PDB file of N, CA and C in Angstrom:
ATOM      1  N   GLN A   1      24.960   8.264  25.426  1.00  0.00           N
ATOM      2  CA  GLN A   1      24.453   7.006  24.891  1.00  0.00           C
ATOM      3  C   GLN A   1      23.053   7.153  24.318  1.00  0.00           C
ATOM      4  N   VAL A   2      22.325   8.152  24.802  1.00  0.00           N
ATOM      5  CA  VAL A   2      20.981   8.385  24.300  1.00  0.00           C
ATOM      6  C   VAL A   2      21.075   8.988  22.904  1.00  0.00           C
ATOM      7  N   LYS A   3      20.301   8.439  22.005  1.00  0.00           N
ATOM      8  CA  LYS A   3      20.303   8.909  20.631  1.00  0.00           C
ATOM      9  C   LYS A   3      18.880   8.993  20.112  1.00  0.00           C
ATOM     10  N   LEU A   4      18.544  10.138  19.557  1.00  0.00           N
ATOM     11  CA  LEU A   4      17.255  10.352  18.931  1.00  0.00           C
ATOM     12  C   LEU A   4      17.507  10.717  17.477  1.00  0.00           C
ATOM     13  N   VAL A   5      16.920   9.969  16.574  1.00  0.00           N
ATOM     14  CA  VAL A   5      17.150  10.174  15.149  1.00  0.00           C
ATOM     15  C   VAL A   5      15.835  10.436  14.455  1.00  0.00           C
ATOM     16  N   GLU A   6      15.694  11.650  13.933  1.00  0.00           N
ATOM     17  CA  GLU A   6      14.492  12.029  13.212  1.00  0.00           C
ATOM     18  C   GLU A   6      14.594  11.634  11.747  1.00  0.00           C
ATOM     19  N   SER A   7      13.448  11.395  11.148  1.00  0.00           N
ATOM     20  CA  SER A   7      13.372  11.119   9.725  1.00  0.00           C
ATOM     21  C   SER A   7      11.992  11.516   9.224  1.00  0.00           C
ATOM     22  N   GLY A   8      11.855  11.576   7.925  1.00  0.00           N
ATOM     23  CA  GLY A   8      10.567  11.869   7.324  1.00  0.00           C
ATOM     24  C   GLY A   8      10.398  13.291   6.844  1.00  0.00           C
ATOM     25  N   GLY A   9      11.384  14.134   7.079  1.00  0.00           N
ATOM     26  CA  GLY A   9      11.301  15.496   6.602  1.00  0.00           C
ATOM     27  C   GLY A   9      11.424  15.567   5.095  1.00  0.00           C
ATOM     28  N   GLY A  10      11.070  16.710   4.551  1.00  0.00           N
ATOM     29  CA  GLY A  10      11.139  16.905   3.119  1.00  0.00           C
ATOM     30  C   GLY A  10      10.400  18.144   2.706  1.00  0.00           C
ATOM     31  N   SER A  11      10.168  18.254   1.413  1.00  0.00           N
ATOM     32  CA  SER A  11       9.462  19.396   0.840  1.00  0.00           C
ATOM     33  C   SER A  11       8.079  18.977   0.385  1.00  0.00           C
ATOM     34  N   VAL A  12       7.088  19.749   0.789  1.00  0.00           N
ATOM     35  CA  VAL A  12       5.705  19.480   0.409  1.00  0.00           C
ATOM     36  C   VAL A  12       5.016  20.786   0.051  1.00  0.00           C
ATOM     37  N   GLN A  13       3.920  20.671  -0.658  1.00  0.00           N
ATOM     38  CA  GLN A  13       3.118  21.837  -0.991  1.00  0.00           C
ATOM     39  C   GLN A  13       2.172  22.171   0.151  1.00  0.00           C
ATOM     40  N   ALA A  14       1.822  23.432   0.249  1.00  0.00           N
ATOM     41  CA  ALA A  14       0.856  23.848   1.255  1.00  0.00           C
ATOM     42  C   ALA A  14      -0.425  23.041   1.126  1.00  0.00           C
ATOM     43  N   GLY A  15      -0.957  22.618   2.263  1.00  0.00           N
ATOM     44  CA  GLY A  15      -2.141  21.779   2.279  1.00  0.00           C
ATOM     45  C   GLY A  15      -1.831  20.302   2.297  1.00  0.00           C
ATOM     46  N   GLY A  16      -0.589  19.949   2.067  1.00  0.00           N
ATOM     47  CA  GLY A  16      -0.182  18.561   2.047  1.00  0.00           C
ATOM     48  C   GLY A  16       0.086  18.014   3.429  1.00  0.00           C
ATOM     49  N   SER A  17       0.523  16.758   3.471  1.00  0.00           N
ATOM     50  CA  SER A  17       0.772  16.069   4.723  1.00  0.00           C
ATOM     51  C   SER A  17       2.159  15.456   4.740  1.00  0.00           C
ATOM     52  N   LEU A  18       2.652  15.270   5.943  1.00  0.00           N
ATOM     53  CA  LEU A  18       3.962  14.670   6.133  1.00  0.00           C
ATOM     54  C   LEU A  18       3.981  14.019   7.506  1.00  0.00           C
ATOM     55  N   ARG A  19       4.646  12.892   7.639  1.00  0.00           N
ATOM     56  CA  ARG A  19       4.788  12.244   8.936  1.00  0.00           C
ATOM     57  C   ARG A  19       6.251  12.130   9.308  1.00  0.00           C
ATOM     58  N   LEU A  20       6.600  12.721  10.429  1.00  0.00           N
ATOM     59  CA  LEU A  20       7.939  12.632  10.958  1.00  0.00           C
ATOM     60  C   LEU A  20       8.033  11.468  11.935  1.00  0.00           C
ATOM     61  N   SER A  21       9.183  10.819  11.950  1.00  0.00           N
ATOM     62  CA  SER A  21       9.434   9.733  12.880  1.00  0.00           C
ATOM     63  C   SER A  21      10.686  10.040  13.678  1.00  0.00           C
ATOM     64  N   CYS A  22      10.734   9.551  14.894  1.00  0.00           N
ATOM     65  CA  CYS A  22      11.902   9.700  15.743  1.00  0.00           C
ATOM     66  C   CYS A  22      12.182   8.364  16.407  1.00  0.00           C
ATOM     67  N   ALA A  23      13.305   7.769  16.057  1.00  0.00           N
ATOM     68  CA  ALA A  23      13.722   6.503  16.640  1.00  0.00           C
ATOM     69  C   ALA A  23      14.654   6.768  17.815  1.00  0.00           C
ATOM     70  N   ALA A  24      14.326   6.207  18.964  1.00  0.00           N
ATOM     71  CA  ALA A  24      15.090   6.439  20.184  1.00  0.00           C
ATOM     72  C   ALA A  24      15.878   5.201  20.582  1.00  0.00           C
ATOM     73  N   SER A  25      17.064   5.429  21.112  1.00  0.00           N
ATOM     74  CA  SER A  25      17.888   4.350  21.638  1.00  0.00           C
ATOM     75  C   SER A  25      18.686   4.865  22.831  1.00  0.00           C
ATOM     76  N   GLY A  26      19.129   3.951  23.677  1.00  0.00           N
ATOM     77  CA  GLY A  26      19.943   4.335  24.816  1.00  0.00           C
ATOM     78  C   GLY A  26      19.166   4.879  26.002  1.00  0.00           C
ATOM     79  N   LEU A  27      17.860   4.731  26.013  1.00  0.00           N
ATOM     80  CA  LEU A  27      17.040   5.168  27.128  1.00  0.00           C
ATOM     81  C   LEU A  27      15.884   4.208  27.335  1.00  0.00           C
ATOM     82  N   THR A  28      15.271   4.316  28.502  1.00  0.00           N
ATOM     83  CA  THR A  28      14.077   3.516  28.780  1.00  0.00           C
ATOM     84  C   THR A  28      12.893   4.244  28.175  1.00  0.00           C
ATOM     85  N   PHE A  29      12.590   3.909  26.945  1.00  0.00           N
ATOM     86  CA  PHE A  29      11.611   4.656  26.173  1.00  0.00           C
ATOM     87  C   PHE A  29      10.243   4.677  26.836  1.00  0.00           C
ATOM     88  N   ASN A  30       9.844   3.560  27.420  1.00  0.00           N
ATOM     89  CA  ASN A  30       8.511   3.471  28.017  1.00  0.00           C
ATOM     90  C   ASN A  30       8.307   4.431  29.182  1.00  0.00           C
ATOM     91  N   SER A  31       9.373   4.904  29.792  1.00  0.00           N
ATOM     92  CA  SER A  31       9.276   5.813  30.923  1.00  0.00           C
ATOM     93  C   SER A  31       9.541   7.269  30.545  1.00  0.00           C
ATOM     94  N   GLN A  32       9.759   7.541  29.277  1.00  0.00           N
ATOM     95  CA  GLN A  32      10.109   8.873  28.816  1.00  0.00           C
ATOM     96  C   GLN A  32       8.941   9.575  28.150  1.00  0.00           C
ATOM     97  N   SER A  33       8.761  10.827  28.510  1.00  0.00           N
ATOM     98  CA  SER A  33       7.908  11.693  27.716  1.00  0.00           C
ATOM     99  C   SER A  33       8.686  12.101  26.466  1.00  0.00           C
ATOM    100  N   MET A  34       7.976  12.303  25.377  1.00  0.00           N
ATOM    101  CA  MET A  34       8.619  12.656  24.119  1.00  0.00           C
ATOM    102  C   MET A  34       7.960  13.902  23.545  1.00  0.00           C
ATOM    103  N   GLY A  35       8.737  14.655  22.796  1.00  0.00           N
ATOM    104  CA  GLY A  35       8.194  15.883  22.241  1.00  0.00           C
ATOM    105  C   GLY A  35       8.819  16.257  20.920  1.00  0.00           C
ATOM    106  N   TRP A  36       8.264  17.297  20.336  1.00  0.00           N
ATOM    107  CA  TRP A  36       8.779  17.882  19.099  1.00  0.00           C
ATOM    108  C   TRP A  36       8.892  19.387  19.260  1.00  0.00           C
ATOM    109  N   PHE A  37      10.022  19.928  18.837  1.00  0.00           N
ATOM    110  CA  PHE A  37      10.242  21.362  18.744  1.00  0.00           C
ATOM    111  C   PHE A  37      10.616  21.699  17.312  1.00  0.00           C
ATOM    112  N   ARG A  38      10.524  22.962  16.964  1.00  0.00           N
ATOM    113  CA  ARG A  38      10.930  23.382  15.631  1.00  0.00           C
ATOM    114  C   ARG A  38      11.606  24.744  15.690  1.00  0.00           C
ATOM    115  N   GLN A  39      12.463  24.981  14.700  1.00  0.00           N
ATOM    116  CA  GLN A  39      13.166  26.242  14.630  1.00  0.00           C
ATOM    117  C   GLN A  39      13.449  26.598  13.177  1.00  0.00           C
ATOM    118  N   SER A  40      13.150  27.822  12.811  1.00  0.00           N
ATOM    119  CA  SER A  40      13.440  28.334  11.484  1.00  0.00           C
ATOM    120  C   SER A  40      14.433  29.479  11.618  1.00  0.00           C
ATOM    121  N   PRO A  41      15.159  29.805  10.544  1.00  0.00           N
ATOM    122  CA  PRO A  41      16.149  30.883  10.617  1.00  0.00           C
ATOM    123  C   PRO A  41      15.556  32.184  11.119  1.00  0.00           C
ATOM    124  N   GLY A  42      16.214  32.783  12.081  1.00  0.00           N
ATOM    125  CA  GLY A  42      15.759  34.043  12.643  1.00  0.00           C
ATOM    126  C   GLY A  42      14.665  33.914  13.677  1.00  0.00           C
ATOM    127  N   LYS A  43      14.242  32.699  13.971  1.00  0.00           N
ATOM    128  CA  LYS A  43      13.192  32.466  14.950  1.00  0.00           C
ATOM    129  C   LYS A  43      13.728  31.657  16.125  1.00  0.00           C
ATOM    130  N   GLU A  44      13.102  31.833  17.267  1.00  0.00           N
ATOM    131  CA  GLU A  44      13.490  31.071  18.440  1.00  0.00           C
ATOM    132  C   GLU A  44      12.915  29.664  18.363  1.00  0.00           C
ATOM    133  N   CYS A  45      13.514  28.770  19.104  1.00  0.00           N
ATOM    134  CA  CYS A  45      13.045  27.398  19.150  1.00  0.00           C
ATOM    135  C   CYS A  45      11.636  27.358  19.738  1.00  0.00           C
ATOM    136  N   GLU A  46      10.728  26.714  19.039  1.00  0.00           N
ATOM    137  CA  GLU A  46       9.318  26.724  19.402  1.00  0.00           C
ATOM    138  C   GLU A  46       8.824  25.327  19.732  1.00  0.00           C
ATOM    139  N   PHE A  47       8.139  25.209  20.846  1.00  0.00           N
ATOM    140  CA  PHE A  47       7.487  23.956  21.196  1.00  0.00           C
ATOM    141  C   PHE A  47       6.386  23.647  20.200  1.00  0.00           C
ATOM    142  N   VAL A  48       6.265  22.382  19.813  1.00  0.00           N
ATOM    143  CA  VAL A  48       5.236  21.964  18.875  1.00  0.00           C
ATOM    144  C   VAL A  48       4.239  21.013  19.528  1.00  0.00           C
ATOM    145  N   ALA A  49       4.742  19.921  20.075  1.00  0.00           N
ATOM    146  CA  ALA A  49       3.860  18.904  20.647  1.00  0.00           C
ATOM    147  C   ALA A  49       4.638  18.017  21.600  1.00  0.00           C
ATOM    148  N   ALA A  50       3.919  17.362  22.500  1.00  0.00           N
ATOM    149  CA  ALA A  50       4.541  16.430  23.430  1.00  0.00           C
ATOM    150  C   ALA A  50       3.551  15.355  23.815  1.00  0.00           C
ATOM    151  N   ILE A  51       4.081  14.230  24.266  1.00  0.00           N
ATOM    152  CA  ILE A  51       3.250  13.104  24.663  1.00  0.00           C
ATOM    153  C   ILE A  51       3.875  12.421  25.867  1.00  0.00           C
ATOM    154  N   SER A  52       3.040  12.013  26.814  1.00  0.00           N
ATOM    155  CA  SER A  52       3.523  11.357  28.015  1.00  0.00           C
ATOM    156  C   SER A  52       3.968   9.935  27.716  1.00  0.00           C
ATOM    157  N   TRP A  53       4.611   9.319  28.692  1.00  0.00           N
ATOM    158  CA  TRP A  53       5.125   7.967  28.491  1.00  0.00           C
ATOM    159  C   TRP A  53       4.017   6.967  28.172  1.00  0.00           C
ATOM    160  N   SER A  54       2.839   7.197  28.732  1.00  0.00           N
ATOM    161  CA  SER A  54       1.715   6.291  28.519  1.00  0.00           C
ATOM    162  C   SER A  54       0.969   6.577  27.222  1.00  0.00           C
ATOM    163  N   GLY A  55       1.175   7.760  26.665  1.00  0.00           N
ATOM    164  CA  GLY A  55       0.454   8.176  25.479  1.00  0.00           C
ATOM    165  C   GLY A  55      -0.897   8.782  25.777  1.00  0.00           C
ATOM    166  N   ILE A  56      -1.277   8.815  27.050  1.00  0.00           N
ATOM    167  CA  ILE A  56      -2.589   9.333  27.420  1.00  0.00           C
ATOM    168  C   ILE A  56      -2.632  10.855  27.361  1.00  0.00           C
ATOM    169  N   THR A  57      -1.561  11.502  27.789  1.00  0.00           N
ATOM    170  CA  THR A  57      -1.516  12.957  27.827  1.00  0.00           C
ATOM    171  C   THR A  57      -0.762  13.499  26.626  1.00  0.00           C
ATOM    172  N   THR A  58      -1.380  14.429  25.916  1.00  0.00           N
ATOM    173  CA  THR A  58      -0.721  15.109  24.807  1.00  0.00           C
ATOM    174  C   THR A  58      -0.855  16.613  24.975  1.00  0.00           C
ATOM    175  N   LEU A  59       0.074  17.351  24.394  1.00  0.00           N
ATOM    176  CA  LEU A  59       0.092  18.803  24.492  1.00  0.00           C
ATOM    177  C   LEU A  59       0.541  19.366  23.146  1.00  0.00           C
ATOM    178  N   TYR A  60      -0.132  20.425  22.700  1.00  0.00           N
ATOM    179  CA  TYR A  60       0.185  21.035  21.418  1.00  0.00           C
ATOM    180  C   TYR A  60       0.236  22.552  21.536  1.00  0.00           C
ATOM    181  N   VAL A  61       1.075  23.154  20.716  1.00  0.00           N
ATOM    182  CA  VAL A  61       1.012  24.597  20.573  1.00  0.00           C
ATOM    183  C   VAL A  61      -0.259  24.921  19.785  1.00  0.00           C
ATOM    184  N   ASP A  62      -0.887  26.041  20.107  1.00  0.00           N
ATOM    185  CA  ASP A  62      -2.185  26.360  19.520  1.00  0.00           C
ATOM    186  C   ASP A  62      -2.166  26.387  17.992  1.00  0.00           C
ATOM    187  N   SER A  63      -1.075  26.814  17.406  1.00  0.00           N
ATOM    188  CA  SER A  63      -1.011  26.978  15.962  1.00  0.00           C
ATOM    189  C   SER A  63      -1.078  25.660  15.185  1.00  0.00           C
ATOM    190  N   VAL A  64      -0.817  24.540  15.837  1.00  0.00           N
ATOM    191  CA  VAL A  64      -0.850  23.257  15.146  1.00  0.00           C
ATOM    192  C   VAL A  64      -1.988  22.368  15.611  1.00  0.00           C
ATOM    193  N   LYS A  65      -2.691  22.775  16.646  1.00  0.00           N
ATOM    194  CA  LYS A  65      -3.770  21.965  17.185  1.00  0.00           C
ATOM    195  C   LYS A  65      -4.847  21.742  16.122  1.00  0.00           C
ATOM    196  N   GLY A  66      -5.235  20.495  15.947  1.00  0.00           N
ATOM    197  CA  GLY A  66      -6.203  20.142  14.925  1.00  0.00           C
ATOM    198  C   GLY A  66      -5.576  19.766  13.607  1.00  0.00           C
ATOM    199  N   ARG A  67      -4.301  20.096  13.424  1.00  0.00           N
ATOM    200  CA  ARG A  67      -3.592  19.754  12.199  1.00  0.00           C
ATOM    201  C   ARG A  67      -2.509  18.699  12.428  1.00  0.00           C
ATOM    202  N   PHE A  68      -1.832  18.795  13.558  1.00  0.00           N
ATOM    203  CA  PHE A  68      -0.750  17.867  13.882  1.00  0.00           C
ATOM    204  C   PHE A  68      -1.209  16.884  14.945  1.00  0.00           C
ATOM    205  N   THR A  69      -0.683  15.672  14.878  1.00  0.00           N
ATOM    206  CA  THR A  69      -0.971  14.655  15.879  1.00  0.00           C
ATOM    207  C   THR A  69       0.318  13.965  16.292  1.00  0.00           C
ATOM    208  N   ILE A  70       0.606  13.979  17.578  1.00  0.00           N
ATOM    209  CA  ILE A  70       1.759  13.261  18.093  1.00  0.00           C
ATOM    210  C   ILE A  70       1.302  11.901  18.610  1.00  0.00           C
ATOM    211  N   SER A  71       2.096  10.885  18.360  1.00  0.00           N
ATOM    212  CA  SER A  71       1.778   9.548  18.821  1.00  0.00           C
ATOM    213  C   SER A  71       3.074   8.799  19.083  1.00  0.00           C
ATOM    214  N   ARG A  72       2.965   7.656  19.711  1.00  0.00           N
ATOM    215  CA  ARG A  72       4.160   6.873  19.984  1.00  0.00           C
ATOM    216  C   ARG A  72       3.857   5.391  19.917  1.00  0.00           C
ATOM    217  N   ASP A  73       4.868   4.620  19.587  1.00  0.00           N
ATOM    218  CA  ASP A  73       4.796   3.176  19.571  1.00  0.00           C
ATOM    219  C   ASP A  73       5.929   2.690  20.452  1.00  0.00           C
ATOM    220  N   ASN A  74       5.602   2.369  21.692  1.00  0.00           N
ATOM    221  CA  ASN A  74       6.634   1.984  22.646  1.00  0.00           C
ATOM    222  C   ASN A  74       7.333   0.680  22.263  1.00  0.00           C
ATOM    223  N   ALA A  75       6.630  -0.195  21.568  1.00  0.00           N
ATOM    224  CA  ALA A  75       7.239  -1.442  21.131  1.00  0.00           C
ATOM    225  C   ALA A  75       8.339  -1.200  20.110  1.00  0.00           C
ATOM    226  N   LYS A  76       8.243  -0.091  19.383  1.00  0.00           N
ATOM    227  CA  LYS A  76       9.233   0.260  18.371  1.00  0.00           C
ATOM    228  C   LYS A  76      10.172   1.372  18.820  1.00  0.00           C
ATOM    229  N   ASN A  77      10.006   1.850  20.045  1.00  0.00           N
ATOM    230  CA  ASN A  77      10.810   2.967  20.559  1.00  0.00           C
ATOM    231  C   ASN A  77      10.781   4.156  19.597  1.00  0.00           C
ATOM    232  N   THR A  78       9.601   4.474  19.130  1.00  0.00           N
ATOM    233  CA  THR A  78       9.456   5.496  18.104  1.00  0.00           C
ATOM    234  C   THR A  78       8.308   6.443  18.438  1.00  0.00           C
ATOM    235  N   VAL A  79       8.541   7.718  18.209  1.00  0.00           N
ATOM    236  CA  VAL A  79       7.506   8.726  18.341  1.00  0.00           C
ATOM    237  C   VAL A  79       7.273   9.344  16.966  1.00  0.00           C
ATOM    238  N   TYR A  80       6.034   9.712  16.691  1.00  0.00           N
ATOM    239  CA  TYR A  80       5.662  10.234  15.389  1.00  0.00           C
ATOM    240  C   TYR A  80       5.029  11.607  15.519  1.00  0.00           C
ATOM    241  N   LEU A  81       5.123  12.368  14.451  1.00  0.00           N
ATOM    242  CA  LEU A  81       4.393  13.617  14.338  1.00  0.00           C
ATOM    243  C   LEU A  81       3.720  13.628  12.972  1.00  0.00           C
ATOM    244  N   GLN A  82       2.424  13.390  12.972  1.00  0.00           N
ATOM    245  CA  GLN A  82       1.651  13.449  11.742  1.00  0.00           C
ATOM    246  C   GLN A  82       1.242  14.897  11.508  1.00  0.00           C
ATOM    247  N   MET A  83       1.617  15.445  10.374  1.00  0.00           N
ATOM    248  CA  MET A  83       1.361  16.837  10.061  1.00  0.00           C
ATOM    249  C   MET A  83       0.450  16.912   8.846  1.00  0.00           C
ATOM    250  N   ASN A  84      -0.728  17.441   9.041  1.00  0.00           N
ATOM    251  CA  ASN A  84      -1.700  17.610   7.971  1.00  0.00           C
ATOM    252  C   ASN A  84      -1.972  19.090   7.744  1.00  0.00           C
ATOM    253  N   SER A  85      -2.551  19.395   6.593  1.00  0.00           N
ATOM    254  CA  SER A  85      -2.890  20.779   6.244  1.00  0.00           C
ATOM    255  C   SER A  85      -1.718  21.716   6.477  1.00  0.00           C
ATOM    256  N   LEU A  86      -0.577  21.329   5.973  1.00  0.00           N
ATOM    257  CA  LEU A  86       0.648  22.090   6.214  1.00  0.00           C
ATOM    258  C   LEU A  86       0.579  23.482   5.602  1.00  0.00           C
ATOM    259  N   LYS A  87       1.166  24.431   6.311  1.00  0.00           N
ATOM    260  CA  LYS A  87       1.228  25.819   5.893  1.00  0.00           C
ATOM    261  C   LYS A  87       2.678  26.235   5.727  1.00  0.00           C
ATOM    262  N   SER A  88       2.893  27.300   4.983  1.00  0.00           N
ATOM    263  CA  SER A  88       4.250  27.775   4.765  1.00  0.00           C
ATOM    264  C   SER A  88       4.942  28.122   6.082  1.00  0.00           C
ATOM    265  N   GLU A  89       4.181  28.599   7.054  1.00  0.00           N
ATOM    266  CA  GLU A  89       4.762  28.955   8.336  1.00  0.00           C
ATOM    267  C   GLU A  89       5.190  27.749   9.165  1.00  0.00           C
ATOM    268  N   ASP A  90       4.853  26.540   8.705  1.00  0.00           N
ATOM    269  CA  ASP A  90       5.331  25.329   9.362  1.00  0.00           C
ATOM    270  C   ASP A  90       6.754  24.977   8.941  1.00  0.00           C
ATOM    271  N   THR A  91       7.279  25.677   7.957  1.00  0.00           N
ATOM    272  CA  THR A  91       8.636  25.426   7.495  1.00  0.00           C
ATOM    273  C   THR A  91       9.623  25.652   8.632  1.00  0.00           C
ATOM    274  N   ALA A  92      10.415  24.640   8.929  1.00  0.00           N
ATOM    275  CA  ALA A  92      11.374  24.715  10.026  1.00  0.00           C
ATOM    276  C   ALA A  92      12.156  23.415  10.099  1.00  0.00           C
ATOM    277  N   ALA A  93      13.214  23.439  10.895  1.00  0.00           N
ATOM    278  CA  ALA A  93      13.881  22.209  11.289  1.00  0.00           C
ATOM    279  C   ALA A  93      13.151  21.668  12.508  1.00  0.00           C
ATOM    280  N   TYR A  94      12.754  20.420  12.446  1.00  0.00           N
ATOM    281  CA  TYR A  94      11.996  19.803  13.523  1.00  0.00           C
ATOM    282  C   TYR A  94      12.895  18.885  14.334  1.00  0.00           C
ATOM    283  N   PHE A  95      12.835  19.039  15.652  1.00  0.00           N
ATOM    284  CA  PHE A  95      13.688  18.295  16.559  1.00  0.00           C
ATOM    285  C   PHE A  95      12.855  17.416  17.483  1.00  0.00           C
ATOM    286  N   CYS A  96      13.264  16.183  17.612  1.00  0.00           N
ATOM    287  CA  CYS A  96      12.664  15.252  18.550  1.00  0.00           C
ATOM    288  C   CYS A  96      13.335  15.412  19.907  1.00  0.00           C
ATOM    289  N   THR A  97      12.546  15.351  20.981  1.00  0.00           N
ATOM    290  CA  THR A  97      13.085  15.524  22.322  1.00  0.00           C
ATOM    291  C   THR A  97      12.581  14.437  23.259  1.00  0.00           C
ATOM    292  N   GLY A  98      13.363  14.181  24.303  1.00  0.00           N
ATOM    293  CA  GLY A  98      12.971  13.235  25.333  1.00  0.00           C
ATOM    294  C   GLY A  98      13.235  13.819  26.705  1.00  0.00           C
ATOM    295  N   GLY A  99      12.387  13.484  27.664  1.00  0.00           N
ATOM    296  CA  GLY A  99      12.548  14.003  29.007  1.00  0.00           C
ATOM    297  C   GLY A  99      11.638  13.331  29.997  1.00  0.00           C
ATOM    298  N   ARG A 100      11.679  13.843  31.220  1.00  0.00           N
ATOM    299  CA  ARG A 100      10.929  13.241  32.305  1.00  0.00           C
ATOM    300  C   ARG A 100       9.461  13.628  32.296  1.00  0.00           C
ATOM    301  N   ILE A 101       9.179  14.862  31.892  1.00  0.00           N
ATOM    302  CA  ILE A 101       7.815  15.361  31.947  1.00  0.00           C
ATOM    303  C   ILE A 101       7.413  16.023  30.643  1.00  0.00           C
ATOM    304  N   VAL A 102       6.124  16.129  30.415  1.00  0.00           N
ATOM    305  CA  VAL A 102       5.582  16.871  29.291  1.00  0.00           C
ATOM    306  C   VAL A 102       5.613  18.356  29.638  1.00  0.00           C
ATOM    307  N   ALA A 103       6.263  19.160  28.806  1.00  0.00           N
ATOM    308  CA  ALA A 103       6.384  20.577  29.072  1.00  0.00           C
ATOM    309  C   ALA A 103       6.617  21.337  27.779  1.00  0.00           C
ATOM    310  N   LYS A 104       6.241  22.615  27.783  1.00  0.00           N
ATOM    311  CA  LYS A 104       6.454  23.481  26.631  1.00  0.00           C
ATOM    312  C   LYS A 104       7.825  24.143  26.648  1.00  0.00           C
ATOM    313  N   GLU A 105       8.479  24.139  27.791  1.00  0.00           N
ATOM    314  CA  GLU A 105       9.785  24.788  27.922  1.00  0.00           C
ATOM    315  C   GLU A 105      10.886  23.881  27.405  1.00  0.00           C
ATOM    316  N   SER A 106      11.747  24.430  26.559  1.00  0.00           N
ATOM    317  CA  SER A 106      12.823  23.639  25.991  1.00  0.00           C
ATOM    318  C   SER A 106      13.775  23.103  27.055  1.00  0.00           C
ATOM    319  N   ARG A 107      13.952  23.853  28.141  1.00  0.00           N
ATOM    320  CA  ARG A 107      14.882  23.451  29.194  1.00  0.00           C
ATOM    321  C   ARG A 107      14.407  22.223  29.959  1.00  0.00           C
ATOM    322  N   ALA A 108      13.156  21.847  29.800  1.00  0.00           N
ATOM    323  CA  ALA A 108      12.625  20.674  30.477  1.00  0.00           C
ATOM    324  C   ALA A 108      13.017  19.373  29.788  1.00  0.00           C
ATOM    325  N   TRP A 109      13.558  19.476  28.596  1.00  0.00           N
ATOM    326  CA  TRP A 109      13.880  18.292  27.805  1.00  0.00           C
ATOM    327  C   TRP A 109      15.382  18.006  27.828  1.00  0.00           C
ATOM    328  N   ASN A 110      15.717  16.804  28.214  1.00  0.00           N
ATOM    329  CA  ASN A 110      17.110  16.430  28.406  1.00  0.00           C
ATOM    330  C   ASN A 110      17.810  15.987  27.128  1.00  0.00           C
ATOM    331  N   TYR A 111      17.066  15.386  26.232  1.00  0.00           N
ATOM    332  CA  TYR A 111      17.662  14.786  25.048  1.00  0.00           C
ATOM    333  C   TYR A 111      17.066  15.374  23.787  1.00  0.00           C
ATOM    334  N   TRP A 112      17.931  15.645  22.829  1.00  0.00           N
ATOM    335  CA  TRP A 112      17.533  16.269  21.571  1.00  0.00           C
ATOM    336  C   TRP A 112      18.139  15.533  20.392  1.00  0.00           C
ATOM    337  N   GLY A 113      17.357  15.382  19.345  1.00  0.00           N
ATOM    338  CA  GLY A 113      17.864  14.828  18.113  1.00  0.00           C
ATOM    339  C   GLY A 113      18.545  15.888  17.279  1.00  0.00           C
ATOM    340  N   GLN A 114      19.046  15.490  16.121  1.00  0.00           N
ATOM    341  CA  GLN A 114      19.765  16.405  15.243  1.00  0.00           C
ATOM    342  C   GLN A 114      18.846  17.235  14.362  1.00  0.00           C
ATOM    343  N   GLY A 115      17.616  16.810  14.231  1.00  0.00           N
ATOM    344  CA  GLY A 115      16.643  17.564  13.468  1.00  0.00           C
ATOM    345  C   GLY A 115      16.431  17.040  12.063  1.00  0.00           C
ATOM    346  N   THR A 116      15.268  17.329  11.530  1.00  0.00           N
ATOM    347  CA  THR A 116      14.943  17.016  10.145  1.00  0.00           C
ATOM    348  C   THR A 116      14.206  18.211   9.552  1.00  0.00           C
ATOM    349  N   GLN A 117      14.562  18.569   8.344  1.00  0.00           N
ATOM    350  CA  GLN A 117      14.036  19.778   7.730  1.00  0.00           C
ATOM    351  C   GLN A 117      12.689  19.529   7.075  1.00  0.00           C
ATOM    352  N   VAL A 118      11.755  20.419   7.348  1.00  0.00           N
ATOM    353  CA  VAL A 118      10.447  20.412   6.699  1.00  0.00           C
ATOM    354  C   VAL A 118      10.279  21.736   5.975  1.00  0.00           C
ATOM    355  N   THR A 119      10.033  21.668   4.685  1.00  0.00           N
ATOM    356  CA  THR A 119       9.838  22.863   3.885  1.00  0.00           C
ATOM    357  C   THR A 119       8.486  22.790   3.201  1.00  0.00           C
ATOM    358  N   VAL A 120       7.662  23.786   3.445  1.00  0.00           N
ATOM    359  CA  VAL A 120       6.319  23.839   2.878  1.00  0.00           C
ATOM    360  C   VAL A 120       6.269  24.996   1.890  1.00  0.00           C
ATOM    361  N   SER A 121       5.988  24.688   0.652  1.00  0.00           N
ATOM    362  CA  SER A 121       5.920  25.702  -0.389  1.00  0.00           C
ATOM    363  C   SER A 121       4.475  26.060  -0.683  1.00  0.00           C
ATOM    364  N   SER A 122       4.259  27.296  -1.087  1.00  0.00           N
ATOM    365  CA  SER A 122       2.927  27.772  -1.401  1.00  0.00           C
ATOM    366  C   SER A 122       2.808  28.163  -2.853  1.00  0.00           C
TER     367      SER A 122
END
């Protein structure tokens, strides 16, 4: 019954910005930590960012810190990933996740969206 639907992916030039959205349904959003992972062909699934249910605690992989910002709007059951200063290495399918705790391990997340493609050209 839990459904996470990502949107906002697309193609952008290096240095550009993009905002991903994830609409959640079928869960108590206010009590869920939310996160973003990404995966490109030939690469393992990589943690990107996460945010606690309250929005107070955030976690980022070092490569995106200072460029990406995760946020959430509990009234809209939506989590966002604002991506600035995009690089070609950010190209990947981005997946929205939901779970009990904020963690970098993929196994800690119970719910996964279908993904949205982000392509950064140089």
